[in-house]
């Protein structure tokens, strides 16, 4: 999947501040994502996880700070160069964002048609390969409205993989999925990392996924508007003493305890 190796980190964020108008969402963020890592951007609702992701993929210009992609300053680059860098990304948005008027196969083919000079036959072969990888080859001719929630996410993942990106970014990939479907998606993410060497950034608050697949991460806090912890989800759960982080990481155990207290 990775066409070029670089000595620089795939993603380096330094002193990043993101804001809407005069409202600062997160300030002075700094973290690096190792090549081949599955990196978690964690935190409760409203902390700015998805906003930070938008800055990383070019949808929101930061107020200040830098985002480097393989050592290159993404936002300091020209529009044309930034578009080239963006093609190293594969993005799975929370909603999937499939084009409703196109079939599954047509959605996956679109990036290949827009950004390559491949023939129609070559594109058809690649679309079949991507759909087979996510287990959706039989659904190639279906419309997005005909898909279940899990199938919709997998179709969006196939499209994100169309250009063989070296960096994959997922915005709440398990949102709205049942536990079995969510686990299957986690297995696909692990396969992308371990089998293809992709670097993966996952924005999520789902503990099962965070503990199951992520080996590093950053914890964003809504109250202070900045990162208050760094490390893998498991390490933060086991060793972090910050009460906000512990409350987030241990909420499953807390919910279980409350349920037990309600039993007669």
C-alpha atoms as a PDB file:
ATOM      1  CA  UNK A   1       0.000   0.000   0.000  1.00  0.00           C
ATOM      2  CA  UNK A   2       2.831   2.420   0.761  1.00  0.00           C
ATOM      3  CA  UNK A   3       4.665   3.367  -2.410  1.00  0.00           C
ATOM      4  CA  UNK A   4       7.407   5.377  -0.739  1.00  0.00           C
ATOM      5  CA  UNK A   5       9.063   5.052   2.645  1.00  0.00           C
ATOM      6  CA  UNK A   6      10.097   8.154   4.527  1.00  0.00           C
ATOM      7  CA  UNK A   7      12.263   8.731   7.559  1.00  0.00           C
ATOM      8  CA  UNK A   8       9.771  11.381   8.734  1.00  0.00           C
ATOM      9  CA  UNK A   9       6.699  10.453  10.717  1.00  0.00           C
ATOM     10  CA  UNK A  10       3.566  10.077   8.565  1.00  0.00           C
ATOM     11  CA  UNK A  11       1.748  12.698  10.666  1.00  0.00           C
ATOM     12  CA  UNK A  12       3.306  15.277  12.984  1.00  0.00           C
ATOM     13  CA  UNK A  13       1.053  17.831  14.690  1.00  0.00           C
ATOM     14  CA  UNK A  14       2.753  20.744  16.458  1.00  0.00           C
ATOM     15  CA  UNK A  15       1.115  23.514  18.519  1.00  0.00           C
ATOM     16  CA  UNK A  16      -2.122  23.119  16.583  1.00  0.00           C
ATOM     17  CA  UNK A  17      -5.109  25.329  17.404  1.00  0.00           C
ATOM     18  CA  UNK A  18      -8.472  24.834  15.668  1.00  0.00           C
ATOM     19  CA  UNK A  19     -11.406  27.191  16.016  1.00  0.00           C
ATOM     20  CA  UNK A  20     -14.780  28.148  14.558  1.00  0.00           C
ATOM     21  CA  UNK A  21     -15.001  31.922  14.400  1.00  0.00           C
ATOM     22  CA  UNK A  22     -13.830  33.165  17.757  1.00  0.00           C
ATOM     23  CA  UNK A  23     -14.518  29.892  19.553  1.00  0.00           C
ATOM     24  CA  UNK A  24     -11.394  27.817  20.141  1.00  0.00           C
ATOM     25  CA  UNK A  25     -12.157  24.088  19.996  1.00  0.00           C
ATOM     26  CA  UNK A  26      -8.678  22.721  20.774  1.00  0.00           C
ATOM     27  CA  UNK A  27      -5.440  24.596  21.393  1.00  0.00           C
ATOM     28  CA  UNK A  28      -1.724  23.864  21.306  1.00  0.00           C
ATOM     29  CA  UNK A  29      -2.044  20.209  20.321  1.00  0.00           C
ATOM     30  CA  UNK A  30       1.183  18.319  19.655  1.00  0.00           C
ATOM     31  CA  UNK A  31       1.482  14.636  18.790  1.00  0.00           C
ATOM     32  CA  UNK A  32       3.136  12.328  16.262  1.00  0.00           C
ATOM     33  CA  UNK A  33       1.758   9.231  14.567  1.00  0.00           C
ATOM     34  CA  UNK A  34       4.277   6.436  13.965  1.00  0.00           C
ATOM     35  CA  UNK A  35       4.359   4.667  10.630  1.00  0.00           C
ATOM     36  CA  UNK A  36       2.188   1.555  10.781  1.00  0.00           C
ATOM     37  CA  UNK A  37       0.512   2.635  14.020  1.00  0.00           C
ATOM     38  CA  UNK A  38      -3.218   2.560  14.732  1.00  0.00           C
ATOM     39  CA  UNK A  39      -3.488   5.882  16.520  1.00  0.00           C
ATOM     40  CA  UNK A  40      -6.540   6.893  18.547  1.00  0.00           C
ATOM     41  CA  UNK A  41      -7.894  10.416  18.901  1.00  0.00           C
ATOM     42  CA  UNK A  42      -9.968   9.961  22.052  1.00  0.00           C
ATOM     43  CA  UNK A  43     -12.244  12.025  24.238  1.00  0.00           C
ATOM     44  CA  UNK A  44     -15.849  12.602  25.186  1.00  0.00           C
ATOM     45  CA  UNK A  45     -18.550  14.219  23.080  1.00  0.00           C
ATOM     46  CA  UNK A  46     -17.857  17.828  22.164  1.00  0.00           C
ATOM     47  CA  UNK A  47     -14.113  17.749  22.774  1.00  0.00           C
ATOM     48  CA  UNK A  48     -13.240  18.431  19.125  1.00  0.00           C
ATOM     49  CA  UNK A  49     -12.073  15.038  17.881  1.00  0.00           C
ATOM     50  CA  UNK A  50     -13.765  15.329  14.492  1.00  0.00           C
ATOM     51  CA  UNK A  51     -12.734  18.982  14.180  1.00  0.00           C
ATOM     52  CA  UNK A  52      -9.069  18.021  14.578  1.00  0.00           C
ATOM     53  CA  UNK A  53      -9.558  15.295  11.957  1.00  0.00           C
ATOM     54  CA  UNK A  54     -10.973  17.869   9.530  1.00  0.00           C
ATOM     55  CA  UNK A  55      -7.851  19.982   9.960  1.00  0.00           C
ATOM     56  CA  UNK A  56      -5.689  16.922   9.271  1.00  0.00           C
ATOM     57  CA  UNK A  57      -7.423  16.084   5.982  1.00  0.00           C
ATOM     58  CA  UNK A  58      -7.730  19.615   4.619  1.00  0.00           C
ATOM     59  CA  UNK A  59     -11.361  20.458   5.422  1.00  0.00           C
ATOM     60  CA  UNK A  60     -10.614  23.088   8.086  1.00  0.00           C
ATOM     61  CA  UNK A  61      -7.644  25.449   8.111  1.00  0.00           C
ATOM     62  CA  UNK A  62      -6.055  25.627  11.579  1.00  0.00           C
ATOM     63  CA  UNK A  63      -5.886  28.951  13.397  1.00  0.00           C
ATOM     64  CA  UNK A  64      -2.204  28.274  14.063  1.00  0.00           C
ATOM     65  CA  UNK A  65       0.290  25.443  14.333  1.00  0.00           C
ATOM     66  CA  UNK A  66       1.497  22.901  11.782  1.00  0.00           C
ATOM     67  CA  UNK A  67       0.487  19.526  10.428  1.00  0.00           C
ATOM     68  CA  UNK A  68       3.309  17.745   8.643  1.00  0.00           C
ATOM     69  CA  UNK A  69       2.688  14.795   6.332  1.00  0.00           C
ATOM     70  CA  UNK A  70       5.882  12.782   5.824  1.00  0.00           C
ATOM     71  CA  UNK A  71       7.798  15.880   6.918  1.00  0.00           C
ATOM     72  CA  UNK A  72       6.011  18.317   4.575  1.00  0.00           C
ATOM     73  CA  UNK A  73       4.010  21.204   6.030  1.00  0.00           C
ATOM     74  CA  UNK A  74       0.520  20.467   4.747  1.00  0.00           C
ATOM     75  CA  UNK A  75      -1.112  23.861   5.230  1.00  0.00           C
ATOM     76  CA  UNK A  76       1.951  25.832   4.070  1.00  0.00           C
ATOM     77  CA  UNK A  77       1.848  24.046   0.714  1.00  0.00           C
ATOM     78  CA  UNK A  78       0.175  25.482  -2.378  1.00  0.00           C
ATOM     79  CA  UNK A  79      -3.388  24.428  -3.151  1.00  0.00           C
ATOM     80  CA  UNK A  80      -2.149  22.155  -5.934  1.00  0.00           C
ATOM     81  CA  UNK A  81       0.483  20.537  -3.743  1.00  0.00           C
ATOM     82  CA  UNK A  82      -1.976  20.128  -0.876  1.00  0.00           C
ATOM     83  CA  UNK A  83      -4.331  18.308  -3.246  1.00  0.00           C
ATOM     84  CA  UNK A  84      -1.484  15.944  -4.170  1.00  0.00           C
ATOM     85  CA  UNK A  85      -0.700  15.276  -0.507  1.00  0.00           C
ATOM     86  CA  UNK A  86      -4.386  14.658   0.202  1.00  0.00           C
ATOM     87  CA  UNK A  87      -4.380  11.766  -2.233  1.00  0.00           C
ATOM     88  CA  UNK A  88      -2.154   9.915   0.244  1.00  0.00           C
ATOM     89  CA  UNK A  89      -5.160   9.911   2.580  1.00  0.00           C
ATOM     90  CA  UNK A  90      -8.102   7.562   2.651  1.00  0.00           C
ATOM     91  CA  UNK A  91     -10.931   8.955   4.765  1.00  0.00           C
ATOM     92  CA  UNK A  92     -13.953   7.149   6.182  1.00  0.00           C
ATOM     93  CA  UNK A  93     -16.434   9.706   7.451  1.00  0.00           C
ATOM     94  CA  UNK A  94     -18.880   8.907  10.226  1.00  0.00           C
ATOM     95  CA  UNK A  95     -21.856   8.934   7.843  1.00  0.00           C
ATOM     96  CA  UNK A  96     -19.998   7.007   5.123  1.00  0.00           C
ATOM     97  CA  UNK A  97     -20.776   9.879   2.699  1.00  0.00           C
ATOM     98  CA  UNK A  98     -21.544   7.618  -0.260  1.00  0.00           C
ATOM     99  CA  UNK A  99     -23.124   9.242  -3.308  1.00  0.00           C
ATOM    100  CA  UNK A 100     -26.753   8.130  -3.092  1.00  0.00           C
ATOM    101  CA  UNK A 101     -27.285   8.295  -6.866  1.00  0.00           C
ATOM    102  CA  UNK A 102     -24.402   5.889  -7.612  1.00  0.00           C
ATOM    103  CA  UNK A 103     -24.109   2.151  -7.122  1.00  0.00           C
ATOM    104  CA  UNK A 104     -21.583   0.772  -4.666  1.00  0.00           C
ATOM    105  CA  UNK A 105     -19.195  -0.041  -7.524  1.00  0.00           C
ATOM    106  CA  UNK A 106     -19.592   3.435  -9.028  1.00  0.00           C
ATOM    107  CA  UNK A 107     -18.812   5.043  -5.652  1.00  0.00           C
ATOM    108  CA  UNK A 108     -15.588   3.050  -5.363  1.00  0.00           C
ATOM    109  CA  UNK A 109     -14.650   3.746  -8.990  1.00  0.00           C
ATOM    110  CA  UNK A 110     -15.076   7.514  -8.687  1.00  0.00           C
ATOM    111  CA  UNK A 111     -11.645   8.348  -7.133  1.00  0.00           C
ATOM    112  CA  UNK A 112      -9.950   6.142  -9.718  1.00  0.00           C
ATOM    113  CA  UNK A 113     -11.756   7.933 -12.541  1.00  0.00           C
ATOM    114  CA  UNK A 114     -10.927  11.361 -11.128  1.00  0.00           C
ATOM    115  CA  UNK A 115      -7.282  10.898 -10.174  1.00  0.00           C
ATOM    116  CA  UNK A 116      -5.825   8.194 -12.434  1.00  0.00           C
ATOM    117  CA  UNK A 117      -5.530   7.540 -16.151  1.00  0.00           C
ATOM    118  CA  UNK A 118      -6.494   3.873 -15.830  1.00  0.00           C
ATOM    119  CA  UNK A 119      -8.707   2.256 -18.438  1.00  0.00           C
ATOM    120  CA  UNK A 120     -12.317   1.350 -17.722  1.00  0.00           C
ATOM    121  CA  UNK A 121     -11.389  -2.335 -17.569  1.00  0.00           C
ATOM    122  CA  UNK A 122      -8.512  -1.715 -15.138  1.00  0.00           C
ATOM    123  CA  UNK A 123     -10.747   0.366 -12.902  1.00  0.00           C
ATOM    124  CA  UNK A 124     -13.391  -2.376 -12.909  1.00  0.00           C
ATOM    125  CA  UNK A 125     -10.784  -4.920 -11.773  1.00  0.00           C
ATOM    126  CA  UNK A 126      -9.568  -2.665  -8.952  1.00  0.00           C
ATOM    127  CA  UNK A 127     -13.117  -1.940  -7.808  1.00  0.00           C
ATOM    128  CA  UNK A 128     -13.789  -5.670  -7.615  1.00  0.00           C
ATOM    129  CA  UNK A 129     -10.607  -6.178  -5.580  1.00  0.00           C
ATOM    130  CA  UNK A 130     -11.484  -3.415  -3.092  1.00  0.00           C
ATOM    131  CA  UNK A 131     -15.036  -4.677  -2.674  1.00  0.00           C
ATOM    132  CA  UNK A 132     -13.812  -8.245  -2.236  1.00  0.00           C
ATOM    133  CA  UNK A 133     -11.442  -7.112   0.510  1.00  0.00           C
ATOM    134  CA  UNK A 134     -14.323  -5.650   2.540  1.00  0.00           C
ATOM    135  CA  UNK A 135     -16.634  -8.572   1.711  1.00  0.00           C
ATOM    136  CA  UNK A 136     -18.984  -6.607  -0.557  1.00  0.00           C
ATOM    137  CA  UNK A 137     -18.308  -7.973  -4.041  1.00  0.00           C
ATOM    138  CA  UNK A 138     -21.875  -9.380  -4.305  1.00  0.00           C
ATOM    139  CA  UNK A 139     -23.286  -5.922  -3.502  1.00  0.00           C
ATOM    140  CA  UNK A 140     -21.453  -4.045  -6.275  1.00  0.00           C
ATOM    141  CA  UNK A 141     -24.644  -3.196  -8.182  1.00  0.00           C
ATOM    142  CA  UNK A 142     -26.655  -2.139  -5.107  1.00  0.00           C
ATOM    143  CA  UNK A 143     -27.532   1.451  -4.310  1.00  0.00           C
ATOM    144  CA  UNK A 144     -26.468   2.896  -0.923  1.00  0.00           C
ATOM    145  CA  UNK A 145     -30.108   2.977   0.216  1.00  0.00           C
ATOM    146  CA  UNK A 146     -30.231  -0.815  -0.144  1.00  0.00           C
ATOM    147  CA  UNK A 147     -27.318  -1.378   2.275  1.00  0.00           C
ATOM    148  CA  UNK A 148     -27.380  -2.087   5.981  1.00  0.00           C
ATOM    149  CA  UNK A 149     -25.406   0.192   8.290  1.00  0.00           C
ATOM    150  CA  UNK A 150     -22.448  -2.181   8.367  1.00  0.00           C
ATOM    151  CA  UNK A 151     -22.465  -2.653   4.610  1.00  0.00           C
ATOM    152  CA  UNK A 152     -22.611   1.106   4.148  1.00  0.00           C
ATOM    153  CA  UNK A 153     -19.463   1.542   6.284  1.00  0.00           C
ATOM    154  CA  UNK A 154     -17.651  -1.229   4.421  1.00  0.00           C
ATOM    155  CA  UNK A 155     -18.574   0.275   1.046  1.00  0.00           C
ATOM    156  CA  UNK A 156     -17.222   3.631   2.227  1.00  0.00           C
ATOM    157  CA  UNK A 157     -14.059   1.860   3.382  1.00  0.00           C
ATOM    158  CA  UNK A 158     -13.626   0.272  -0.062  1.00  0.00           C
ATOM    159  CA  UNK A 159     -13.874   3.737  -1.606  1.00  0.00           C
ATOM    160  CA  UNK A 160     -11.346   5.105   0.912  1.00  0.00           C
ATOM    161  CA  UNK A 161      -8.954   2.354  -0.220  1.00  0.00           C
ATOM    162  CA  UNK A 162      -9.427   3.020  -3.930  1.00  0.00           C
ATOM    163  CA  UNK A 163      -6.169   4.949  -4.425  1.00  0.00           C
ATOM    164  CA  UNK A 164      -4.086   2.695  -2.124  1.00  0.00           C
ATOM    165  CA  UNK A 165      -3.524   5.432   0.476  1.00  0.00           C
ATOM    166  CA  UNK A 166      -0.667   5.188   2.952  1.00  0.00           C
ATOM    167  CA  UNK A 167      -2.621   7.002   5.693  1.00  0.00           C
ATOM    168  CA  UNK A 168      -6.184   6.077   6.630  1.00  0.00           C
ATOM    169  CA  UNK A 169      -8.389   8.254   8.828  1.00  0.00           C
ATOM    170  CA  UNK A 170     -11.624   7.005  10.368  1.00  0.00           C
ATOM    171  CA  UNK A 171     -14.213   9.264  12.008  1.00  0.00           C
ATOM    172  CA  UNK A 172     -16.225   7.212  14.544  1.00  0.00           C
ATOM    173  CA  UNK A 173     -16.133   4.070  12.353  1.00  0.00           C
ATOM    174  CA  UNK A 174     -18.239   2.005  14.780  1.00  0.00           C
ATOM    175  CA  UNK A 175     -20.956   4.609  15.335  1.00  0.00           C
ATOM    176  CA  UNK A 176     -24.406   3.086  14.906  1.00  0.00           C
ATOM    177  CA  UNK A 177     -23.129  -0.458  14.373  1.00  0.00           C
ATOM    178  CA  UNK A 178     -24.035  -3.544  16.378  1.00  0.00           C
ATOM    179  CA  UNK A 179     -21.186  -5.215  18.330  1.00  0.00           C
ATOM    180  CA  UNK A 180     -20.639  -8.021  15.807  1.00  0.00           C
ATOM    181  CA  UNK A 181     -20.487  -5.658  12.816  1.00  0.00           C
ATOM    182  CA  UNK A 182     -18.260  -3.291  14.766  1.00  0.00           C
ATOM    183  CA  UNK A 183     -15.846  -6.127  15.542  1.00  0.00           C
ATOM    184  CA  UNK A 184     -15.712  -7.104  11.870  1.00  0.00           C
ATOM    185  CA  UNK A 185     -14.810  -3.523  10.961  1.00  0.00           C
ATOM    186  CA  UNK A 186     -12.099  -3.521  13.631  1.00  0.00           C
ATOM    187  CA  UNK A 187     -10.677  -6.713  12.107  1.00  0.00           C
ATOM    188  CA  UNK A 188     -10.532  -5.020   8.694  1.00  0.00           C
ATOM    189  CA  UNK A 189      -8.685  -2.044  10.199  1.00  0.00           C
ATOM    190  CA  UNK A 190      -6.178  -4.392  11.853  1.00  0.00           C
ATOM    191  CA  UNK A 191      -5.667  -6.208   8.567  1.00  0.00           C
ATOM    192  CA  UNK A 192      -4.985  -2.925   6.791  1.00  0.00           C
ATOM    193  CA  UNK A 193      -2.359  -2.026   9.372  1.00  0.00           C
ATOM    194  CA  UNK A 194      -0.704  -5.401   9.796  1.00  0.00           C
ATOM    195  CA  UNK A 195      -1.093  -6.772   6.280  1.00  0.00           C
ATOM    196  CA  UNK A 196      -0.600  -3.646   4.175  1.00  0.00           C
ATOM    197  CA  UNK A 197       1.477  -1.407   6.426  1.00  0.00           C
ATOM    198  CA  UNK A 198      -1.053   1.418   6.446  1.00  0.00           C
ATOM    199  CA  UNK A 199      -0.889   4.096   9.113  1.00  0.00           C
ATOM    200  CA  UNK A 200      -4.334   4.473  10.682  1.00  0.00           C
ATOM    201  CA  UNK A 201      -5.848   7.312  12.713  1.00  0.00           C
ATOM    202  CA  UNK A 202      -9.127   6.492  14.459  1.00  0.00           C
ATOM    203  CA  UNK A 203     -11.389   9.127  15.985  1.00  0.00           C
ATOM    204  CA  UNK A 204     -13.572   7.270  18.460  1.00  0.00           C
ATOM    205  CA  UNK A 205     -15.117   7.062  21.908  1.00  0.00           C
ATOM    206  CA  UNK A 206     -15.958   3.340  21.591  1.00  0.00           C
ATOM    207  CA  UNK A 207     -13.921   1.552  24.260  1.00  0.00           C
ATOM    208  CA  UNK A 208     -14.084  -1.925  22.726  1.00  0.00           C
ATOM    209  CA  UNK A 209     -12.530  -0.655  19.495  1.00  0.00           C
ATOM    210  CA  UNK A 210     -10.005   1.591  21.238  1.00  0.00           C
ATOM    211  CA  UNK A 211      -8.744  -1.219  23.481  1.00  0.00           C
ATOM    212  CA  UNK A 212      -8.915  -3.813  20.718  1.00  0.00           C
ATOM    213  CA  UNK A 213      -6.960  -2.186  17.893  1.00  0.00           C
ATOM    214  CA  UNK A 214      -5.165   1.033  18.921  1.00  0.00           C
ATOM    215  CA  UNK A 215      -1.509   1.038  20.000  1.00  0.00           C
ATOM    216  CA  UNK A 216      -1.083   4.774  20.637  1.00  0.00           C
ATOM    217  CA  UNK A 217      -3.189   7.874  20.987  1.00  0.00           C
ATOM    218  CA  UNK A 218      -4.005  11.283  22.377  1.00  0.00           C
ATOM    219  CA  UNK A 219      -6.832  12.228  24.749  1.00  0.00           C
ATOM    220  CA  UNK A 220      -8.624  15.524  24.083  1.00  0.00           C
ATOM    221  CA  UNK A 221     -10.457  17.301  26.876  1.00  0.00           C
ATOM    222  CA  UNK A 222     -13.493  19.517  26.229  1.00  0.00           C
ATOM    223  CA  UNK A 223     -13.179  21.516  29.455  1.00  0.00           C
ATOM    224  CA  UNK A 224      -9.554  22.597  29.068  1.00  0.00           C
ATOM    225  CA  UNK A 225      -9.638  22.567  25.244  1.00  0.00           C
ATOM    226  CA  UNK A 226      -6.383  20.689  24.832  1.00  0.00           C
ATOM    227  CA  UNK A 227      -4.746  17.257  25.085  1.00  0.00           C
ATOM    228  CA  UNK A 228      -4.435  16.024  28.667  1.00  0.00           C
ATOM    229  CA  UNK A 229      -2.943  12.554  28.060  1.00  0.00           C
ATOM    230  CA  UNK A 230      -0.898  10.635  25.493  1.00  0.00           C
ATOM    231  CA  UNK A 231      -0.454   6.887  25.109  1.00  0.00           C
ATOM    232  CA  UNK A 232      -2.262   3.734  24.086  1.00  0.00           C
ATOM    233  CA  UNK A 233      -5.845   3.335  25.325  1.00  0.00           C
ATOM    234  CA  UNK A 234      -4.870   0.315  27.408  1.00  0.00           C
ATOM    235  CA  UNK A 235      -1.962   2.174  29.020  1.00  0.00           C
ATOM    236  CA  UNK A 236      -4.160   5.159  29.822  1.00  0.00           C
ATOM    237  CA  UNK A 237      -6.769   2.873  31.322  1.00  0.00           C
ATOM    238  CA  UNK A 238      -4.236   1.080  33.485  1.00  0.00           C
ATOM    239  CA  UNK A 239      -1.854   3.859  34.539  1.00  0.00           C
ATOM    240  CA  UNK A 240      -3.246   7.347  33.892  1.00  0.00           C
ATOM    241  CA  UNK A 241      -4.152   9.182  37.086  1.00  0.00           C
ATOM    242  CA  UNK A 242      -6.022  12.077  35.492  1.00  0.00           C
ATOM    243  CA  UNK A 243      -9.627  11.779  36.790  1.00  0.00           C
ATOM    244  CA  UNK A 244     -11.177  12.875  33.473  1.00  0.00           C
ATOM    245  CA  UNK A 245      -9.254  10.233  31.549  1.00  0.00           C
ATOM    246  CA  UNK A 246      -9.995   7.551  34.136  1.00  0.00           C
ATOM    247  CA  UNK A 247     -13.721   8.364  34.118  1.00  0.00           C
ATOM    248  CA  UNK A 248     -13.752   7.975  30.327  1.00  0.00           C
ATOM    249  CA  UNK A 249     -11.716   4.768  30.255  1.00  0.00           C
ATOM    250  CA  UNK A 250     -13.559   3.091  33.112  1.00  0.00           C
ATOM    251  CA  UNK A 251     -17.100   4.036  32.205  1.00  0.00           C
ATOM    252  CA  UNK A 252     -18.005   0.504  31.133  1.00  0.00           C
ATOM    253  CA  UNK A 253     -17.139  -0.788  34.584  1.00  0.00           C
ATOM    254  CA  UNK A 254     -19.059   2.126  36.137  1.00  0.00           C
ATOM    255  CA  UNK A 255     -22.153   1.416  34.052  1.00  0.00           C
ATOM    256  CA  UNK A 256     -21.994  -2.255  35.029  1.00  0.00           C
ATOM    257  CA  UNK A 257     -21.737  -1.331  38.696  1.00  0.00           C
ATOM    258  CA  UNK A 258     -24.736   1.014  38.447  1.00  0.00           C
ATOM    259  CA  UNK A 259     -26.769  -1.706  36.728  1.00  0.00           C
ATOM    260  CA  UNK A 260     -25.904  -4.157  39.487  1.00  0.00           C
ATOM    261  CA  UNK A 261     -26.982  -1.606  42.114  1.00  0.00           C
ATOM    262  CA  UNK A 262     -30.425  -1.385  40.501  1.00  0.00           C
ATOM    263  CA  UNK A 263     -31.021  -5.111  40.751  1.00  0.00           C
ATOM    264  CA  UNK A 264     -33.380  -6.131  43.614  1.00  0.00           C
END
